Amino acid sequence: MERQILQILSAVGQHGISVHALTMHVYNMNATFFSQPDLNDIRNGVRRFLLKNSKSDSSLIERTERRGVYRLNTAHNADARQLMLEFHEEKHPEEKEEKPKEDLSLDLFG
């Protein structure tokens, strides 16, 4: 769940995301047709992770000016900047240039 939280925080960028919205994203990432996780367990896990990782100015996660909204602390934490790069690379892998295929079919009318 921690990796999912960090992935979501890196996707939202500097605007941040509310605890409720983050909880719902994590819940939806873990819900399947056959099993539904407990929403309260997800909410408590998200809150615990955010509080544990936002205690100081140099923490991985920081609170924004708005109440209950969090974001990665890219200004004061090198690990947060690295996470932004890693998740960005996963999201947009280098697209390989494909060469057009050469037509090797036989000419039926030649």
C-alpha atoms as a PDB file:
ATOM      1  CA  MET A   1       0.000   0.000   0.000  1.00  0.00           C
ATOM      2  CA  GLU A   2       2.905   2.379   0.685  1.00  0.00           C
ATOM      3  CA  ARG A   3       4.128   2.152  -2.905  1.00  0.00           C
ATOM      4  CA  GLN A   4       0.616   2.900  -4.153  1.00  0.00           C
ATOM      5  CA  ILE A   5       0.393   5.973  -1.920  1.00  0.00           C
ATOM      6  CA  LEU A   6       3.748   7.256  -3.145  1.00  0.00           C
ATOM      7  CA  GLN A   7       2.754   6.604  -6.756  1.00  0.00           C
ATOM      8  CA  ILE A   8      -0.454   8.602  -6.321  1.00  0.00           C
ATOM      9  CA  LEU A   9       1.367  11.439  -4.554  1.00  0.00           C
ATOM     10  CA  SER A  10       3.894  11.634  -7.373  1.00  0.00           C
ATOM     11  CA  ALA A  11       1.093  11.723  -9.943  1.00  0.00           C
ATOM     12  CA  VAL A  12      -0.726  14.632  -8.300  1.00  0.00           C
ATOM     13  CA  GLY A  13       2.447  16.702  -8.062  1.00  0.00           C
ATOM     14  CA  GLN A  14       2.667  19.974  -6.150  1.00  0.00           C
ATOM     15  CA  HIS A  15      -1.100  20.448  -5.857  1.00  0.00           C
ATOM     16  CA  GLY A  16      -1.350  17.574  -3.383  1.00  0.00           C
ATOM     17  CA  ILE A  17      -4.310  15.350  -2.619  1.00  0.00           C
ATOM     18  CA  SER A  18      -6.728  15.106   0.282  1.00  0.00           C
ATOM     19  CA  VAL A  19      -6.618  12.156   2.648  1.00  0.00           C
ATOM     20  CA  HIS A  20     -10.115  11.118   1.537  1.00  0.00           C
ATOM     21  CA  ALA A  21      -9.261  11.181  -2.175  1.00  0.00           C
ATOM     22  CA  LEU A  22      -5.991   9.346  -1.536  1.00  0.00           C
ATOM     23  CA  THR A  23      -7.864   6.716   0.487  1.00  0.00           C
ATOM     24  CA  MET A  24     -10.385   6.202  -2.309  1.00  0.00           C
ATOM     25  CA  HIS A  25      -7.620   5.845  -4.920  1.00  0.00           C
ATOM     26  CA  VAL A  26      -5.818   3.217  -2.835  1.00  0.00           C
ATOM     27  CA  TYR A  27      -9.118   1.441  -2.160  1.00  0.00           C
ATOM     28  CA  ASN A  28      -9.943   1.315  -5.871  1.00  0.00           C
ATOM     29  CA  MET A  29      -6.451   0.058  -6.718  1.00  0.00           C
ATOM     30  CA  ASN A  30      -6.973  -2.894  -4.360  1.00  0.00           C
ATOM     31  CA  ALA A  31     -10.626  -3.681  -5.026  1.00  0.00           C
ATOM     32  CA  THR A  32     -11.420  -6.529  -7.377  1.00  0.00           C
ATOM     33  CA  PHE A  33     -14.593  -8.134  -8.622  1.00  0.00           C
ATOM     34  CA  PHE A  34     -14.175 -10.964  -6.127  1.00  0.00           C
ATOM     35  CA  SER A  35     -12.817  -9.171  -3.059  1.00  0.00           C
ATOM     36  CA  GLN A  36     -13.370  -5.768  -1.541  1.00  0.00           C
ATOM     37  CA  PRO A  37     -10.852  -4.472   1.037  1.00  0.00           C
ATOM     38  CA  ASP A  38     -12.168  -2.897   4.209  1.00  0.00           C
ATOM     39  CA  LEU A  39     -12.400   0.855   3.637  1.00  0.00           C
ATOM     40  CA  ASN A  40     -11.667   1.630   7.301  1.00  0.00           C
ATOM     41  CA  ASP A  41      -8.463  -0.452   7.179  1.00  0.00           C
ATOM     42  CA  ILE A  42      -7.345   1.395   4.042  1.00  0.00           C
ATOM     43  CA  ARG A  43      -8.198   4.787   5.588  1.00  0.00           C
ATOM     44  CA  ASN A  44      -6.286   3.987   8.795  1.00  0.00           C
ATOM     45  CA  GLY A  45      -3.298   2.709   6.829  1.00  0.00           C
ATOM     46  CA  VAL A  46      -3.193   5.837   4.658  1.00  0.00           C
ATOM     47  CA  ARG A  47      -3.443   8.129   7.691  1.00  0.00           C
ATOM     48  CA  ARG A  48      -0.749   6.210   9.572  1.00  0.00           C
ATOM     49  CA  PHE A  49       1.597   6.344   6.590  1.00  0.00           C
ATOM     50  CA  LEU A  50       1.032  10.077   6.031  1.00  0.00           C
ATOM     51  CA  LEU A  51       1.533  10.962   9.700  1.00  0.00           C
ATOM     52  CA  LYS A  52       4.635   8.778  10.013  1.00  0.00           C
ATOM     53  CA  ASN A  53       6.256  10.334   6.929  1.00  0.00           C
ATOM     54  CA  SER A  54       5.359  14.002   7.466  1.00  0.00           C
ATOM     55  CA  LYS A  55       6.730  14.773  10.926  1.00  0.00           C
ATOM     56  CA  SER A  56       9.559  17.186  10.067  1.00  0.00           C
ATOM     57  CA  ASP A  57      10.445  19.763   7.420  1.00  0.00           C
ATOM     58  CA  SER A  58      12.756  17.308   5.667  1.00  0.00           C
ATOM     59  CA  SER A  59      10.268  14.416   5.659  1.00  0.00           C
ATOM     60  CA  LEU A  60       9.291  12.528   2.534  1.00  0.00           C
ATOM     61  CA  ILE A  61       5.737  13.909   2.630  1.00  0.00           C
ATOM     62  CA  GLU A  62       4.546  17.376   3.615  1.00  0.00           C
ATOM     63  CA  ARG A  63       1.238  19.006   4.397  1.00  0.00           C
ATOM     64  CA  THR A  64       0.083  21.738   2.060  1.00  0.00           C
ATOM     65  CA  GLU A  65      -1.466  25.041   3.038  1.00  0.00           C
ATOM     66  CA  ARG A  66      -4.908  23.423   2.847  1.00  0.00           C
ATOM     67  CA  ARG A  67      -6.064  21.293   5.756  1.00  0.00           C
ATOM     68  CA  GLY A  68      -5.887  17.534   5.166  1.00  0.00           C
ATOM     69  CA  VAL A  69      -3.998  17.806   1.850  1.00  0.00           C
ATOM     70  CA  TYR A  70      -0.580  16.189   1.396  1.00  0.00           C
ATOM     71  CA  ARG A  71       2.125  16.058  -1.292  1.00  0.00           C
ATOM     72  CA  LEU A  72       5.668  14.792  -1.771  1.00  0.00           C
ATOM     73  CA  ASN A  73       8.253  17.109  -0.206  1.00  0.00           C
ATOM     74  CA  THR A  74      10.385  17.678  -3.303  1.00  0.00           C
ATOM     75  CA  ALA A  75      11.792  20.956  -1.982  1.00  0.00           C
ATOM     76  CA  HIS A  76      13.589  19.534   1.055  1.00  0.00           C
ATOM     77  CA  ASN A  77      13.887  15.791   0.449  1.00  0.00           C
ATOM     78  CA  ALA A  78      16.098  14.155  -2.177  1.00  0.00           C
ATOM     79  CA  ASP A  79      14.244  10.837  -1.853  1.00  0.00           C
ATOM     80  CA  ALA A  80      10.983  12.550  -2.822  1.00  0.00           C
ATOM     81  CA  ARG A  81      12.627  14.059  -5.915  1.00  0.00           C
ATOM     82  CA  GLN A  82      13.991  10.637  -6.850  1.00  0.00           C
ATOM     83  CA  LEU A  83      10.541   9.069  -6.454  1.00  0.00           C
ATOM     84  CA  MET A  84       9.059  11.666  -8.785  1.00  0.00           C
ATOM     85  CA  LEU A  85      11.638  10.701 -11.419  1.00  0.00           C
ATOM     86  CA  GLU A  86      11.172   6.948 -10.937  1.00  0.00           C
ATOM     87  CA  PHE A  87       7.394   7.050 -11.184  1.00  0.00           C
ATOM     88  CA  HIS A  88       7.591   9.394 -14.164  1.00  0.00           C
ATOM     89  CA  GLU A  89       9.891   6.925 -15.959  1.00  0.00           C
ATOM     90  CA  GLU A  90       7.515   4.034 -15.190  1.00  0.00           C
ATOM     91  CA  LYS A  91       4.609   6.025 -16.540  1.00  0.00           C
ATOM     92  CA  HIS A  92       6.380   7.151 -19.746  1.00  0.00           C
ATOM     93  CA  PRO A  93       8.963   4.575 -20.769  1.00  0.00           C
ATOM     94  CA  GLU A  94      11.198   5.569 -23.642  1.00  0.00           C
ATOM     95  CA  GLU A  95       9.327   4.681 -26.775  1.00  0.00           C
ATOM     96  CA  LYS A  96      11.451   2.703 -29.145  1.00  0.00           C
ATOM     97  CA  GLU A  97      11.460   3.809 -32.733  1.00  0.00           C
ATOM     98  CA  GLU A  98      10.020   1.078 -34.917  1.00  0.00           C
ATOM     99  CA  LYS A  99      11.328   0.618 -38.414  1.00  0.00           C
ATOM    100  CA  PRO A 100       8.693   0.132 -41.100  1.00  0.00           C
ATOM    101  CA  LYS A 101       8.472  -3.482 -42.154  1.00  0.00           C
ATOM    102  CA  GLU A 102       9.777  -4.294 -45.600  1.00  0.00           C
ATOM    103  CA  ASP A 103       7.176  -5.781 -47.970  1.00  0.00           C
ATOM    104  CA  LEU A 104       8.416  -9.296 -48.768  1.00  0.00           C
ATOM    105  CA  SER A 105       5.242 -10.554 -50.421  1.00  0.00           C
ATOM    106  CA  LEU A 106       5.361 -11.982 -53.927  1.00  0.00           C
ATOM    107  CA  ASP A 107       3.878 -10.062 -56.856  1.00  0.00           C
ATOM    108  CA  LEU A 108       0.994 -12.173 -58.150  1.00  0.00           C
ATOM    109  CA  PHE A 109       0.605 -10.276 -61.415  1.00  0.00           C
ATOM    110  CA  GLY A 110       4.266  -9.868 -62.407  1.00  0.00           C
END
